[in-house]
Amino acid sequence: LLGIVFMNTDFKQLSDSELCTLVYQGGESRNAAFEVLYERHSPRVYLYCRRIMGEVTVLDDVFQETFVRFYKSLLVEREMSNVPGYLLRIARNLCIAEKEKPHNQTVEFDETHVLGHVSSVESDEMLSLIDMAITMLPDEFREVWVMKENMGFSYNEIADTLQTTMSTVRTRLYRARMMIREILAPYITDLNS
């Protein structure tokens, strides 16, 4: 019945929950519903994977595997209440697993992922330094930083996604900020001289 109701509807107007139900039910609307979910959530998932993984060679694999697993889970789960949180949990687990592999023990710094166009050389340099500082953070601090500062998640959304307390999220974010300041302190002094 739900499939019939939505047959002539613009899928982009549907909620995540409705789209998940259409994927679960199958039929003609399955692909269109999943495509809208992908378009809606892929930029955030990609940003998360990019910031956490850093290394471009495995980034696309982790990103694509996130959506493959998400799709497979939609085929067996009737309801999904928090699609962004669920996707980030999948991405997080895949990033952790990939980073634990022996070939991923070093962190590469790639200037191409500095977002935005900045005209000043000094501002460009500062953005690169900040980006470098973020890549130097321990994983548990980096992922909280990325989710809060780059993706705009609330403390509650981060706690739900990471399955931890808001207190832990606040502590990790505070420590991440302190570490970034500490890492950047010598460079900021040099830039101001």
N, C-alpha and C. Protein backbone atom coordinates (compact mmCIF):
# COMPACT_ATOMS: atom_id res chain seq x y z
N LEU A 1 0.83 -1.21 0.00
CA LEU A 1 0.00 0.00 0.00
C LEU A 1 0.86 1.25 0.00
N LEU A 2 1.94 1.26 0.81
CA LEU A 2 2.82 2.42 0.87
C LEU A 2 3.43 2.70 -0.50
N GLY A 3 3.82 1.64 -1.22
CA GLY A 3 4.39 1.79 -2.56
C GLY A 3 3.40 2.43 -3.52
N ILE A 4 2.14 2.09 -3.41
CA ILE A 4 1.11 2.65 -4.28
C ILE A 4 0.88 4.12 -3.95
N VAL A 5 0.88 4.46 -2.68
CA VAL A 5 0.67 5.84 -2.25
C VAL A 5 1.76 6.74 -2.81
N PHE A 6 3.03 6.26 -2.83
CA PHE A 6 4.14 7.10 -3.23
C PHE A 6 4.49 6.99 -4.71
N MET A 7 3.72 6.23 -5.48
CA MET A 7 4.07 5.98 -6.87
C MET A 7 4.22 7.27 -7.68
N ASN A 8 3.37 8.26 -7.48
CA ASN A 8 3.40 9.50 -8.25
C ASN A 8 3.99 10.65 -7.45
N THR A 9 4.73 10.35 -6.41
CA THR A 9 5.27 11.37 -5.53
C THR A 9 6.72 11.67 -5.89
N ASP A 10 7.13 12.91 -5.66
CA ASP A 10 8.53 13.30 -5.80
C ASP A 10 9.27 12.71 -4.60
N PHE A 11 10.17 11.78 -4.85
CA PHE A 11 10.86 11.07 -3.78
C PHE A 11 11.67 12.01 -2.89
N LYS A 12 12.12 13.13 -3.43
CA LYS A 12 12.92 14.07 -2.64
C LYS A 12 12.12 14.71 -1.52
N GLN A 13 10.81 14.66 -1.64
CA GLN A 13 9.96 15.25 -0.61
C GLN A 13 9.69 14.29 0.55
N LEU A 14 10.06 13.04 0.39
CA LEU A 14 9.80 12.03 1.41
C LEU A 14 10.83 12.08 2.52
N SER A 15 10.44 11.66 3.70
CA SER A 15 11.37 11.59 4.83
C SER A 15 12.30 10.40 4.65
N ASP A 16 13.39 10.40 5.40
CA ASP A 16 14.31 9.26 5.37
C ASP A 16 13.60 7.96 5.71
N SER A 17 12.74 8.02 6.70
CA SER A 17 12.00 6.83 7.14
C SER A 17 11.13 6.28 6.02
N GLU A 18 10.44 7.17 5.31
CA GLU A 18 9.59 6.73 4.20
C GLU A 18 10.43 6.13 3.07
N LEU A 19 11.56 6.75 2.79
CA LEU A 19 12.44 6.23 1.74
C LEU A 19 13.00 4.87 2.12
N CYS A 20 13.38 4.71 3.38
CA CYS A 20 13.89 3.41 3.84
C CYS A 20 12.82 2.33 3.70
N THR A 21 11.58 2.67 4.00
CA THR A 21 10.48 1.73 3.87
C THR A 21 10.30 1.31 2.41
N LEU A 22 10.43 2.27 1.49
CA LEU A 22 10.29 1.95 0.07
C LEU A 22 11.42 1.04 -0.40
N VAL A 23 12.63 1.25 0.10
CA VAL A 23 13.74 0.36 -0.26
C VAL A 23 13.47 -1.03 0.28
N TYR A 24 13.00 -1.10 1.51
CA TYR A 24 12.70 -2.40 2.13
C TYR A 24 11.63 -3.16 1.35
N GLN A 25 10.60 -2.43 0.91
CA GLN A 25 9.49 -3.07 0.21
C GLN A 25 9.85 -3.54 -1.18
N GLY A 26 10.86 -2.94 -1.79
CA GLY A 26 11.26 -3.35 -3.13
C GLY A 26 10.35 -2.76 -4.19
N GLY A 27 10.30 -3.41 -5.30
CA GLY A 27 9.46 -2.93 -6.40
C GLY A 27 10.13 -1.83 -7.20
N GLU A 28 9.31 -1.15 -7.98
CA GLU A 28 9.80 -0.13 -8.91
C GLU A 28 10.41 1.08 -8.21
N SER A 29 9.97 1.38 -7.02
CA SER A 29 10.44 2.58 -6.33
C SER A 29 11.74 2.37 -5.54
N ARG A 30 12.20 1.12 -5.40
CA ARG A 30 13.39 0.83 -4.59
C ARG A 30 14.61 1.66 -5.00
N ASN A 31 14.97 1.62 -6.28
CA ASN A 31 16.17 2.32 -6.74
C ASN A 31 16.06 3.83 -6.60
N ALA A 32 14.91 4.37 -6.95
CA ALA A 32 14.71 5.82 -6.85
C ALA A 32 14.79 6.28 -5.40
N ALA A 33 14.22 5.49 -4.49
CA ALA A 33 14.25 5.84 -3.06
C ALA A 33 15.68 5.80 -2.53
N PHE A 34 16.43 4.77 -2.90
CA PHE A 34 17.81 4.67 -2.43
C PHE A 34 18.67 5.79 -3.01
N GLU A 35 18.42 6.13 -4.25
CA GLU A 35 19.17 7.21 -4.90
C GLU A 35 18.99 8.53 -4.15
N VAL A 36 17.77 8.81 -3.70
CA VAL A 36 17.52 10.03 -2.94
C VAL A 36 18.24 9.98 -1.59
N LEU A 37 18.20 8.82 -0.94
CA LEU A 37 18.94 8.68 0.33
C LEU A 37 20.44 8.91 0.11
N TYR A 38 20.96 8.36 -0.95
CA TYR A 38 22.38 8.53 -1.27
C TYR A 38 22.70 10.00 -1.51
N GLU A 39 21.92 10.66 -2.35
CA GLU A 39 22.15 12.08 -2.65
C GLU A 39 22.05 12.94 -1.40
N ARG A 40 21.13 12.60 -0.53
CA ARG A 40 20.88 13.37 0.68
C ARG A 40 22.02 13.23 1.69
N HIS A 41 22.59 12.04 1.81
CA HIS A 41 23.54 11.78 2.89
C HIS A 41 24.99 11.56 2.46
N SER A 42 25.24 11.35 1.19
CA SER A 42 26.61 11.06 0.76
C SER A 42 27.61 12.19 1.00
N PRO A 43 27.24 13.48 0.87
CA PRO A 43 28.25 14.51 1.14
C PRO A 43 28.78 14.46 2.57
N ARG A 44 27.90 14.27 3.54
CA ARG A 44 28.33 14.21 4.95
C ARG A 44 29.18 12.97 5.22
N VAL A 45 28.77 11.85 4.65
CA VAL A 45 29.52 10.60 4.86
C VAL A 45 30.90 10.72 4.22
N TYR A 46 30.95 11.30 3.03
CA TYR A 46 32.24 11.46 2.35
C TYR A 46 33.16 12.38 3.15
N LEU A 47 32.61 13.49 3.63
CA LEU A 47 33.41 14.42 4.44
C LEU A 47 33.95 13.72 5.68
N TYR A 48 33.09 12.97 6.34
CA TYR A 48 33.53 12.24 7.53
C TYR A 48 34.67 11.28 7.18
N CYS A 49 34.48 10.46 6.17
CA CYS A 49 35.51 9.49 5.77
C CYS A 49 36.79 10.20 5.37
N ARG A 50 36.67 11.29 4.65
CA ARG A 50 37.85 12.05 4.18
C ARG A 50 38.64 12.60 5.35
N ARG A 51 37.95 13.14 6.30
CA ARG A 51 38.62 13.73 7.45
C ARG A 51 39.21 12.68 8.37
N ILE A 52 38.55 11.56 8.51
CA ILE A 52 39.03 10.52 9.41
C ILE A 52 40.15 9.71 8.74
N MET A 53 39.96 9.35 7.48
CA MET A 53 40.94 8.50 6.80
C MET A 53 42.15 9.29 6.32
N GLY A 54 41.91 10.45 5.74
CA GLY A 54 43.01 11.25 5.23
C GLY A 54 43.64 10.67 3.98
N GLU A 55 43.86 9.38 3.95
CA GLU A 55 44.55 8.73 2.84
C GLU A 55 43.59 8.48 1.69
N VAL A 56 43.88 9.07 0.56
CA VAL A 56 42.98 9.02 -0.59
C VAL A 56 42.85 7.62 -1.19
N THR A 57 43.89 6.82 -1.11
CA THR A 57 43.87 5.52 -1.79
C THR A 57 42.79 4.59 -1.26
N VAL A 58 42.43 4.68 -0.01
CA VAL A 58 41.39 3.80 0.55
C VAL A 58 40.09 4.53 0.84
N LEU A 59 40.10 5.83 0.71
CA LEU A 59 38.93 6.64 1.02
C LEU A 59 37.71 6.21 0.22
N ASP A 60 37.84 6.08 -1.09
CA ASP A 60 36.70 5.73 -1.92
C ASP A 60 36.16 4.35 -1.59
N ASP A 61 37.05 3.42 -1.28
CA ASP A 61 36.61 2.07 -0.92
C ASP A 61 35.76 2.10 0.35
N VAL A 62 36.22 2.83 1.35
CA VAL A 62 35.49 2.93 2.62
C VAL A 62 34.14 3.62 2.40
N PHE A 63 34.16 4.70 1.64
CA PHE A 63 32.95 5.46 1.35
C PHE A 63 31.92 4.58 0.63
N GLN A 64 32.34 3.89 -0.42
CA GLN A 64 31.42 3.05 -1.19
C GLN A 64 30.92 1.87 -0.37
N GLU A 65 31.80 1.26 0.41
CA GLU A 65 31.39 0.13 1.25
C GLU A 65 30.35 0.56 2.28
N THR A 66 30.44 1.80 2.75
CA THR A 66 29.45 2.33 3.70
C THR A 66 28.06 2.24 3.09
N PHE A 67 27.91 2.67 1.85
CA PHE A 67 26.59 2.67 1.22
C PHE A 67 26.16 1.27 0.79
N VAL A 68 27.10 0.41 0.46
CA VAL A 68 26.75 -0.98 0.15
C VAL A 68 26.15 -1.63 1.38
N ARG A 69 26.81 -1.46 2.52
CA ARG A 69 26.29 -2.05 3.77
C ARG A 69 24.97 -1.43 4.19
N PHE A 70 24.85 -0.13 3.99
CA PHE A 70 23.60 0.56 4.30
C PHE A 70 22.46 -0.03 3.47
N TYR A 71 22.68 -0.19 2.18
CA TYR A 71 21.67 -0.74 1.28
C TYR A 71 21.27 -2.15 1.73
N LYS A 72 22.26 -2.98 2.01
CA LYS A 72 21.97 -4.35 2.45
C LYS A 72 21.16 -4.36 3.74
N SER A 73 21.46 -3.43 4.64
CA SER A 73 20.71 -3.40 5.90
C SER A 73 19.27 -2.95 5.67
N LEU A 74 19.06 -2.07 4.68
CA LEU A 74 17.70 -1.63 4.37
C LEU A 74 16.84 -2.77 3.82
N LEU A 75 17.46 -3.75 3.22
CA LEU A 75 16.71 -4.87 2.66
C LEU A 75 16.16 -5.80 3.74
N VAL A 76 16.73 -5.72 4.95
CA VAL A 76 16.27 -6.60 6.03
C VAL A 76 15.64 -5.86 7.20
N GLU A 77 15.84 -4.54 7.28
CA GLU A 77 15.27 -3.77 8.40
C GLU A 77 14.06 -2.99 7.92
N ARG A 78 12.99 -3.10 8.66
CA ARG A 78 11.76 -2.42 8.30
C ARG A 78 11.80 -0.93 8.56
N GLU A 79 12.30 -0.53 9.70
CA GLU A 79 12.30 0.88 10.07
C GLU A 79 13.70 1.33 10.44
N MET A 80 13.98 2.57 10.11
CA MET A 80 15.25 3.16 10.50
C MET A 80 14.96 4.60 10.90
N SER A 81 15.21 4.92 12.16
CA SER A 81 14.81 6.23 12.65
C SER A 81 15.89 7.30 12.49
N ASN A 82 17.17 6.92 12.48
CA ASN A 82 18.24 7.92 12.41
C ASN A 82 19.23 7.53 11.31
N VAL A 83 18.88 7.82 10.08
CA VAL A 83 19.71 7.43 8.94
C VAL A 83 21.10 8.07 9.00
N PRO A 84 21.23 9.39 9.27
CA PRO A 84 22.59 9.96 9.32
C PRO A 84 23.47 9.29 10.38
N GLY A 85 22.90 9.04 11.55
CA GLY A 85 23.65 8.38 12.61
C GLY A 85 24.03 6.95 12.24
N TYR A 86 23.13 6.24 11.62
CA TYR A 86 23.39 4.86 11.21
C TYR A 86 24.50 4.82 10.15
N LEU A 87 24.42 5.71 9.17
CA LEU A 87 25.45 5.77 8.13
C LEU A 87 26.82 6.08 8.72
N LEU A 88 26.86 7.03 9.66
CA LEU A 88 28.15 7.38 10.25
C LEU A 88 28.70 6.26 11.12
N ARG A 89 27.81 5.48 11.74
CA ARG A 89 28.29 4.32 12.50
C ARG A 89 28.95 3.30 11.58
N ILE A 90 28.32 3.07 10.43
CA ILE A 90 28.91 2.15 9.45
C ILE A 90 30.26 2.69 8.98
N ALA A 91 30.28 3.98 8.60
CA ALA A 91 31.51 4.59 8.11
C ALA A 91 32.60 4.56 9.18
N ARG A 92 32.22 4.83 10.41
CA ARG A 92 33.17 4.83 11.52
C ARG A 92 33.79 3.45 11.69
N ASN A 93 32.97 2.43 11.71
CA ASN A 93 33.48 1.07 11.86
C ASN A 93 34.40 0.68 10.72
N LEU A 94 34.05 1.06 9.51
CA LEU A 94 34.90 0.76 8.36
C LEU A 94 36.22 1.53 8.42
N CYS A 95 36.17 2.79 8.84
CA CYS A 95 37.40 3.58 8.97
C CYS A 95 38.32 2.98 10.03
N ILE A 96 37.74 2.58 11.15
CA ILE A 96 38.55 1.97 12.22
C ILE A 96 39.18 0.68 11.71
N ALA A 97 38.40 -0.15 11.05
CA ALA A 97 38.92 -1.42 10.54
C ALA A 97 40.04 -1.18 9.52
N GLU A 98 39.85 -0.20 8.66
CA GLU A 98 40.87 0.10 7.65
C GLU A 98 42.15 0.64 8.27
N LYS A 99 41.98 1.49 9.28
CA LYS A 99 43.16 2.07 9.93
C LYS A 99 43.95 1.04 10.73
N GLU A 100 43.28 -0.01 11.14
CA GLU A 100 43.97 -1.07 11.91
C GLU A 100 44.76 -2.01 11.02
N LYS A 101 44.53 -1.95 9.74
CA LYS A 101 45.30 -2.79 8.81
C LYS A 101 46.76 -2.32 8.82
N PRO A 102 47.71 -3.25 8.70
CA PRO A 102 49.13 -2.90 8.78
C PRO A 102 49.60 -1.83 7.80
N HIS A 103 49.03 -1.77 6.61
CA HIS A 103 49.49 -0.80 5.61
C HIS A 103 49.04 0.62 5.90
N ASN A 104 48.24 0.82 6.96
CA ASN A 104 47.72 2.15 7.26
C ASN A 104 48.24 2.71 8.57
N GLN A 105 49.47 2.47 8.90
CA GLN A 105 50.00 2.94 10.17
C GLN A 105 50.52 4.38 10.11
N THR A 106 50.64 4.96 8.93
CA THR A 106 51.10 6.34 8.82
C THR A 106 49.95 7.21 8.33
N VAL A 107 50.04 8.49 8.64
CA VAL A 107 49.03 9.45 8.20
C VAL A 107 49.64 10.29 7.10
N GLU A 108 48.96 10.36 5.99
CA GLU A 108 49.42 11.20 4.90
C GLU A 108 48.74 12.55 4.99
N PHE A 109 49.47 13.59 4.64
CA PHE A 109 48.89 14.92 4.59
C PHE A 109 48.74 15.31 3.13
N ASP A 110 47.54 15.60 2.74
CA ASP A 110 47.25 15.94 1.36
C ASP A 110 46.58 17.30 1.34
N GLU A 111 47.25 18.28 0.80
CA GLU A 111 46.73 19.64 0.82
C GLU A 111 45.48 19.82 -0.02
N THR A 112 45.16 18.87 -0.89
CA THR A 112 44.00 19.04 -1.77
C THR A 112 42.68 19.03 -1.01
N HIS A 113 42.67 18.56 0.24
CA HIS A 113 41.38 18.52 0.92
C HIS A 113 41.12 19.75 1.79
N VAL A 114 41.96 20.78 1.68
CA VAL A 114 41.66 22.04 2.35
C VAL A 114 40.51 22.66 1.57
N LEU A 115 39.40 22.86 2.27
CA LEU A 115 38.20 23.32 1.59
C LEU A 115 38.19 24.84 1.43
N GLY A 116 37.56 25.27 0.39
CA GLY A 116 37.37 26.69 0.17
C GLY A 116 38.53 27.32 -0.59
N HIS A 117 38.26 28.45 -1.20
CA HIS A 117 39.29 29.19 -1.92
C HIS A 117 39.63 30.43 -1.11
N VAL A 118 40.87 30.55 -0.73
CA VAL A 118 41.32 31.70 0.06
C VAL A 118 42.36 32.42 -0.77
N SER A 119 42.22 33.72 -0.90
CA SER A 119 43.11 34.47 -1.78
C SER A 119 44.47 34.75 -1.16
N SER A 120 44.55 34.95 0.12
CA SER A 120 45.80 35.33 0.76
C SER A 120 46.70 34.11 0.99
N VAL A 121 47.98 34.28 0.73
CA VAL A 121 48.95 33.20 0.94
C VAL A 121 49.01 32.84 2.42
N GLU A 122 48.96 33.83 3.27
CA GLU A 122 49.03 33.59 4.71
C GLU A 122 47.81 32.82 5.21
N SER A 123 46.65 33.16 4.71
CA SER A 123 45.43 32.43 5.09
C SER A 123 45.48 31.00 4.58
N ASP A 124 45.99 30.83 3.36
CA ASP A 124 46.17 29.49 2.80
C ASP A 124 47.08 28.66 3.69
N GLU A 125 48.16 29.28 4.11
CA GLU A 125 49.12 28.58 4.97
C GLU A 125 48.48 28.21 6.30
N MET A 126 47.67 29.11 6.86
CA MET A 126 47.01 28.84 8.13
C MET A 126 46.01 27.69 8.00
N LEU A 127 45.26 27.67 6.90
CA LEU A 127 44.32 26.58 6.67
C LEU A 127 45.05 25.24 6.56
N SER A 128 46.17 25.25 5.89
CA SER A 128 46.97 24.02 5.77
C SER A 128 47.50 23.58 7.13
N LEU A 129 47.92 24.52 7.93
CA LEU A 129 48.42 24.19 9.27
C LEU A 129 47.31 23.61 10.16
N ILE A 130 46.14 24.21 10.09
CA ILE A 130 45.00 23.71 10.87
C ILE A 130 44.65 22.30 10.42
N ASP A 131 44.62 22.11 9.12
CA ASP A 131 44.31 20.79 8.57
C ASP A 131 45.35 19.76 9.03
N MET A 132 46.60 20.15 9.01
CA MET A 132 47.68 19.26 9.47
C MET A 132 47.48 18.92 10.95
N ALA A 133 47.13 19.93 11.75
CA ALA A 133 46.92 19.71 13.18
C ALA A 133 45.78 18.73 13.42
N ILE A 134 44.73 18.83 12.64
CA ILE A 134 43.58 17.92 12.77
C ILE A 134 44.00 16.49 12.46
N THR A 135 44.83 16.32 11.42
CA THR A 135 45.27 14.96 11.07
C THR A 135 46.18 14.36 12.13
N MET A 136 46.77 15.20 12.96
CA MET A 136 47.68 14.72 14.01
C MET A 136 46.94 14.30 15.29
N LEU A 137 45.67 14.63 15.38
CA LEU A 137 44.89 14.28 16.56
C LEU A 137 44.71 12.76 16.66
N PRO A 138 44.67 12.23 17.88
CA PRO A 138 44.30 10.81 18.03
C PRO A 138 42.89 10.60 17.46
N ASP A 139 42.64 9.40 16.96
CA ASP A 139 41.39 9.11 16.25
C ASP A 139 40.13 9.51 17.02
N GLU A 140 40.06 9.19 18.31
CA GLU A 140 38.82 9.48 19.06
C GLU A 140 38.56 10.98 19.19
N PHE A 141 39.63 11.79 19.19
CA PHE A 141 39.45 13.25 19.24
C PHE A 141 39.16 13.81 17.85
N ARG A 142 39.82 13.26 16.85
CA ARG A 142 39.64 13.74 15.47
C ARG A 142 38.20 13.52 15.02
N GLU A 143 37.65 12.34 15.30
CA GLU A 143 36.30 12.09 14.79
C GLU A 143 35.26 12.98 15.47
N VAL A 144 35.43 13.28 16.74
CA VAL A 144 34.51 14.21 17.42
C VAL A 144 34.66 15.60 16.82
N TRP A 145 35.90 16.03 16.59
CA TRP A 145 36.17 17.34 15.99
C TRP A 145 35.49 17.44 14.62
N VAL A 146 35.69 16.44 13.78
CA VAL A 146 35.14 16.44 12.43
C VAL A 146 33.61 16.50 12.49
N MET A 147 33.02 15.69 13.35
CA MET A 147 31.56 15.65 13.43
C MET A 147 30.98 16.98 13.92
N LYS A 148 31.67 17.63 14.86
CA LYS A 148 31.16 18.89 15.41
C LYS A 148 31.49 20.08 14.50
N GLU A 149 32.76 20.24 14.17
CA GLU A 149 33.21 21.44 13.47
C GLU A 149 33.00 21.39 11.96
N ASN A 150 33.16 20.24 11.34
CA ASN A 150 33.03 20.14 9.89
C ASN A 150 31.64 19.73 9.45
N MET A 151 30.96 18.93 10.26
CA MET A 151 29.67 18.40 9.84
C MET A 151 28.50 19.06 10.56
N GLY A 152 28.78 19.82 11.62
CA GLY A 152 27.74 20.55 12.31
C GLY A 152 26.83 19.71 13.20
N PHE A 153 27.30 18.55 13.62
CA PHE A 153 26.49 17.70 14.51
C PHE A 153 26.37 18.34 15.89
N SER A 154 25.25 18.12 16.53
CA SER A 154 25.08 18.56 17.92
C SER A 154 25.80 17.55 18.82
N TYR A 155 26.02 17.94 20.07
CA TYR A 155 26.65 17.02 21.03
C TYR A 155 25.83 15.74 21.15
N ASN A 156 24.52 15.89 21.17
CA ASN A 156 23.63 14.73 21.31
C ASN A 156 23.75 13.80 20.10
N GLU A 157 23.78 14.38 18.89
CA GLU A 157 23.92 13.56 17.68
C GLU A 157 25.26 12.81 17.67
N ILE A 158 26.31 13.47 18.12
CA ILE A 158 27.62 12.82 18.17
C ILE A 158 27.59 11.68 19.18
N ALA A 159 27.02 11.94 20.36
CA ALA A 159 26.94 10.91 21.40
C ALA A 159 26.13 9.71 20.90
N ASP A 160 25.02 9.95 20.22
CA ASP A 160 24.21 8.86 19.67
C ASP A 160 24.99 8.06 18.63
N THR A 161 25.65 8.76 17.73
CA THR A 161 26.39 8.10 16.66
C THR A 161 27.54 7.25 17.21
N LEU A 162 28.26 7.81 18.19
CA LEU A 162 29.42 7.11 18.75
C LEU A 162 29.03 6.17 19.89
N GLN A 163 27.76 6.18 20.25
CA GLN A 163 27.24 5.36 21.35
C GLN A 163 28.04 5.61 22.63
N THR A 164 28.09 6.88 22.99
CA THR A 164 28.77 7.30 24.21
C THR A 164 27.95 8.40 24.87
N THR A 165 28.47 9.00 25.93
CA THR A 165 27.73 10.04 26.64
C THR A 165 28.09 11.42 26.10
N MET A 166 27.22 12.38 26.34
CA MET A 166 27.50 13.75 25.92
C MET A 166 28.70 14.30 26.69
N SER A 167 28.87 13.87 27.91
CA SER A 167 30.01 14.29 28.70
C SER A 167 31.32 13.86 28.05
N THR A 168 31.35 12.63 27.55
CA THR A 168 32.54 12.13 26.86
C THR A 168 32.80 12.92 25.60
N VAL A 169 31.73 13.25 24.87
CA VAL A 169 31.86 14.04 23.64
C VAL A 169 32.45 15.40 23.97
N ARG A 170 31.91 16.06 24.98
CA ARG A 170 32.41 17.39 25.37
C ARG A 170 33.88 17.33 25.77
N THR A 171 34.23 16.31 26.54
CA THR A 171 35.62 16.16 26.99
C THR A 171 36.55 15.95 25.80
N ARG A 172 36.15 15.08 24.89
CA ARG A 172 37.00 14.82 23.71
C ARG A 172 37.14 16.06 22.84
N LEU A 173 36.06 16.79 22.67
CA LEU A 173 36.11 18.00 21.86
C LEU A 173 37.01 19.05 22.52
N TYR A 174 36.89 19.20 23.83
CA TYR A 174 37.75 20.14 24.56
C TYR A 174 39.22 19.75 24.40
N ARG A 175 39.51 18.47 24.57
CA ARG A 175 40.90 18.01 24.44
C ARG A 175 41.41 18.19 23.01
N ALA A 176 40.54 17.95 22.04
CA ALA A 176 40.93 18.17 20.64
C ALA A 176 41.30 19.63 20.41
N ARG A 177 40.49 20.53 20.93
CA ARG A 177 40.79 21.97 20.77
C ARG A 177 42.11 22.34 21.43
N MET A 178 42.34 21.79 22.62
CA MET A 178 43.59 22.09 23.32
C MET A 178 44.79 21.54 22.54
N MET A 179 44.66 20.35 22.00
CA MET A 179 45.76 19.75 21.23
C MET A 179 46.03 20.55 19.96
N ILE A 180 44.98 20.99 19.30
CA ILE A 180 45.16 21.79 18.08
C ILE A 180 45.86 23.09 18.41
N ARG A 181 45.46 23.74 19.49
CA ARG A 181 46.14 24.97 19.91
C ARG A 181 47.60 24.72 20.21
N GLU A 182 47.86 23.63 20.90
CA GLU A 182 49.24 23.29 21.24
C GLU A 182 50.08 23.01 19.99
N ILE A 183 49.51 22.27 19.05
CA ILE A 183 50.22 21.96 17.81
C ILE A 183 50.49 23.23 17.01
N LEU A 184 49.52 24.14 16.98
CA LEU A 184 49.64 25.34 16.16
C LEU A 184 50.42 26.47 16.82
N ALA A 185 50.61 26.40 18.13
CA ALA A 185 51.27 27.51 18.86
C ALA A 185 52.58 27.97 18.22
N PRO A 186 53.52 27.08 17.90
CA PRO A 186 54.78 27.56 17.30
C PRO A 186 54.57 28.22 15.93
N TYR A 187 53.61 27.72 15.17
CA TYR A 187 53.38 28.27 13.84
C TYR A 187 52.71 29.63 13.90
N ILE A 188 51.80 29.79 14.84
CA ILE A 188 51.12 31.07 14.98
C ILE A 188 52.11 32.13 15.40
N THR A 189 53.03 31.80 16.29
CA THR A 189 54.09 32.73 16.70
C THR A 189 54.92 33.13 15.49
N ASP A 190 55.29 32.15 14.64
CA ASP A 190 56.08 32.43 13.44
C ASP A 190 55.33 33.31 12.45
N LEU A 191 54.03 33.07 12.29
CA LEU A 191 53.24 33.87 11.35
C LEU A 191 53.11 35.31 11.81
N ASN A 192 53.06 35.52 13.12
CA ASN A 192 52.89 36.86 13.67
C ASN A 192 54.19 37.63 13.72
N SER A 193 55.34 36.98 13.53
CA SER A 193 56.63 37.67 13.60
C SER A 193 56.92 38.40 12.32
